[in-house]
Amino acid sequence: MGLSDQPFEVMCPDCGSMLKVDPVTRAIISHQSAPKKKMFEDFGEAAKALREADARRDSIFAQSVDAQKNKDDVMTKKFAEAVKKAKETPLTDRPLRDFDLD
């Protein structure tokens, strides 16, 4: 058995797990999962992150409530601007259609 016949290990660049590959069959003969990373070092950090997420969620909700309160005004202004633009645009600038050329 030569050196090229020996299984070799490769680390997955995506997940960090170790794969043992047989060079002859090119099959994975062993797999060792990457160690799981802790999201937080202690409960204090986890609680702080949850409080920050709650505050962010409340802020986003308050912004959406404000946007809904002003929605009618914004829509009215957008409509008025569209009507004004439509009145200012001459009717001769319409694109030609196939049946217009007949």
Protein backbone atom coordinates (compact mmCIF):
# COMPACT_ATOMS: atom_id res chain seq x y z
CA MET A 1 0.00 0.00 0.00
CA GLY A 2 1.60 3.28 -1.14
CA LEU A 3 1.22 6.80 0.15
CA SER A 4 -1.44 7.61 -2.43
CA ASP A 5 -3.56 4.69 -1.20
CA GLN A 6 -3.86 6.13 2.33
CA PRO A 7 -7.06 8.01 3.29
CA PHE A 8 -6.57 11.73 3.74
CA GLU A 9 -8.44 14.34 5.72
CA VAL A 10 -10.04 17.48 4.28
CA MET A 11 -11.70 20.28 6.22
CA CYS A 12 -15.00 21.56 4.79
CA PRO A 13 -14.58 25.30 4.11
CA ASP A 14 -18.29 25.91 4.71
CA CYS A 15 -19.04 24.18 8.00
CA GLY A 16 -15.56 23.32 9.34
CA SER A 17 -16.18 19.59 9.67
CA MET A 18 -13.36 17.10 8.96
CA LEU A 19 -13.91 14.59 6.18
CA LYS A 20 -11.74 11.50 5.68
CA VAL A 21 -11.61 10.60 1.98
CA ASP A 22 -10.51 7.33 0.38
CA PRO A 23 -8.26 8.30 -2.59
CA VAL A 24 -9.03 5.14 -4.56
CA THR A 25 -12.82 5.22 -4.47
CA ARG A 26 -13.03 9.00 -3.79
CA ALA A 27 -15.67 8.28 -1.18
CA ILE A 28 -16.02 9.85 2.25
CA ILE A 29 -15.23 7.12 4.74
CA SER A 30 -15.46 9.20 7.92
CA HIS A 31 -16.99 12.47 9.06
CA GLN A 32 -16.32 14.50 12.20
CA SER A 33 -18.68 17.42 12.76
CA ALA A 34 -17.28 20.83 13.58
CA PRO A 35 -17.57 21.86 17.23
CA LYS A 36 -20.67 23.86 17.96
CA LYS A 37 -20.00 27.50 18.74
CA LYS A 38 -21.70 29.13 21.69
CA MET A 39 -23.81 32.10 20.75
CA PHE A 40 -23.29 33.79 24.14
CA GLU A 41 -20.68 33.39 26.84
CA ASP A 42 -23.14 33.68 29.72
CA PHE A 43 -26.78 34.27 30.55
CA GLY A 44 -26.19 37.99 31.13
CA GLU A 45 -25.13 38.50 27.51
CA ALA A 46 -28.06 36.42 26.28
CA ALA A 47 -30.54 38.46 28.36
CA LYS A 48 -28.99 41.71 27.10
CA ALA A 49 -29.31 40.54 23.50
CA LEU A 50 -32.97 39.64 24.07
CA ARG A 51 -33.68 43.07 25.60
CA GLU A 52 -32.01 44.77 22.62
CA ALA A 53 -34.04 42.64 20.19
CA ASP A 54 -37.26 43.57 22.07
CA ALA A 55 -36.37 47.27 21.92
CA ARG A 56 -35.60 47.04 18.20
CA ARG A 57 -38.87 45.21 17.53
CA ASP A 58 -40.84 47.82 19.50
CA SER A 59 -39.15 50.62 17.56
CA ILE A 60 -39.97 49.02 14.21
CA PHE A 61 -43.59 48.53 15.31
CA ALA A 62 -43.86 52.18 16.40
CA GLN A 63 -42.49 53.30 13.03
CA SER A 64 -45.04 51.15 11.18
CA VAL A 65 -47.88 52.59 13.31
CA ASP A 66 -46.71 56.15 12.47
CA ALA A 67 -46.50 55.24 8.79
CA GLN A 68 -50.09 53.94 8.85
CA LYS A 69 -51.32 57.14 10.55
CA ASN A 70 -49.83 59.25 7.75
CA LYS A 71 -50.71 56.85 4.93
CA ASP A 72 -53.85 58.74 3.83
CA ASP A 73 -51.98 62.06 3.65
CA VAL A 74 -49.12 60.54 1.70
CA MET A 75 -51.45 58.79 -0.74
CA THR A 76 -53.46 61.99 -1.28
CA LYS A 77 -50.28 63.94 -2.02
CA LYS A 78 -48.99 61.24 -4.38
CA PHE A 79 -52.32 61.21 -6.22
CA ALA A 80 -52.38 65.02 -6.52
CA GLU A 81 -48.84 65.00 -7.89
CA ALA A 82 -49.72 62.28 -10.42
CA VAL A 83 -52.80 64.26 -11.58
CA LYS A 84 -50.70 67.41 -11.90
CA LYS A 85 -48.07 65.57 -13.93
CA ALA A 86 -50.73 64.01 -16.16
CA LYS A 87 -52.26 67.44 -16.88
CA GLU A 88 -48.86 68.93 -17.74
CA THR A 89 -47.93 66.09 -20.09
CA PRO A 90 -49.12 66.77 -23.65
CA LEU A 91 -51.31 64.13 -25.25
CA THR A 92 -49.15 64.03 -28.41
CA ASP A 93 -46.32 62.25 -26.63
CA ARG A 94 -48.13 58.94 -26.59
CA PRO A 95 -46.17 56.08 -28.10
CA LEU A 96 -47.30 54.82 -31.48
CA ARG A 97 -49.04 51.50 -31.53
CA ASP A 98 -49.09 49.09 -34.48
CA PHE A 99 -52.71 49.87 -35.41
CA ASP A 100 -52.02 53.63 -35.33
CA LEU A 101 -49.82 53.19 -38.41
CA ASP A 102 -52.56 51.64 -40.59
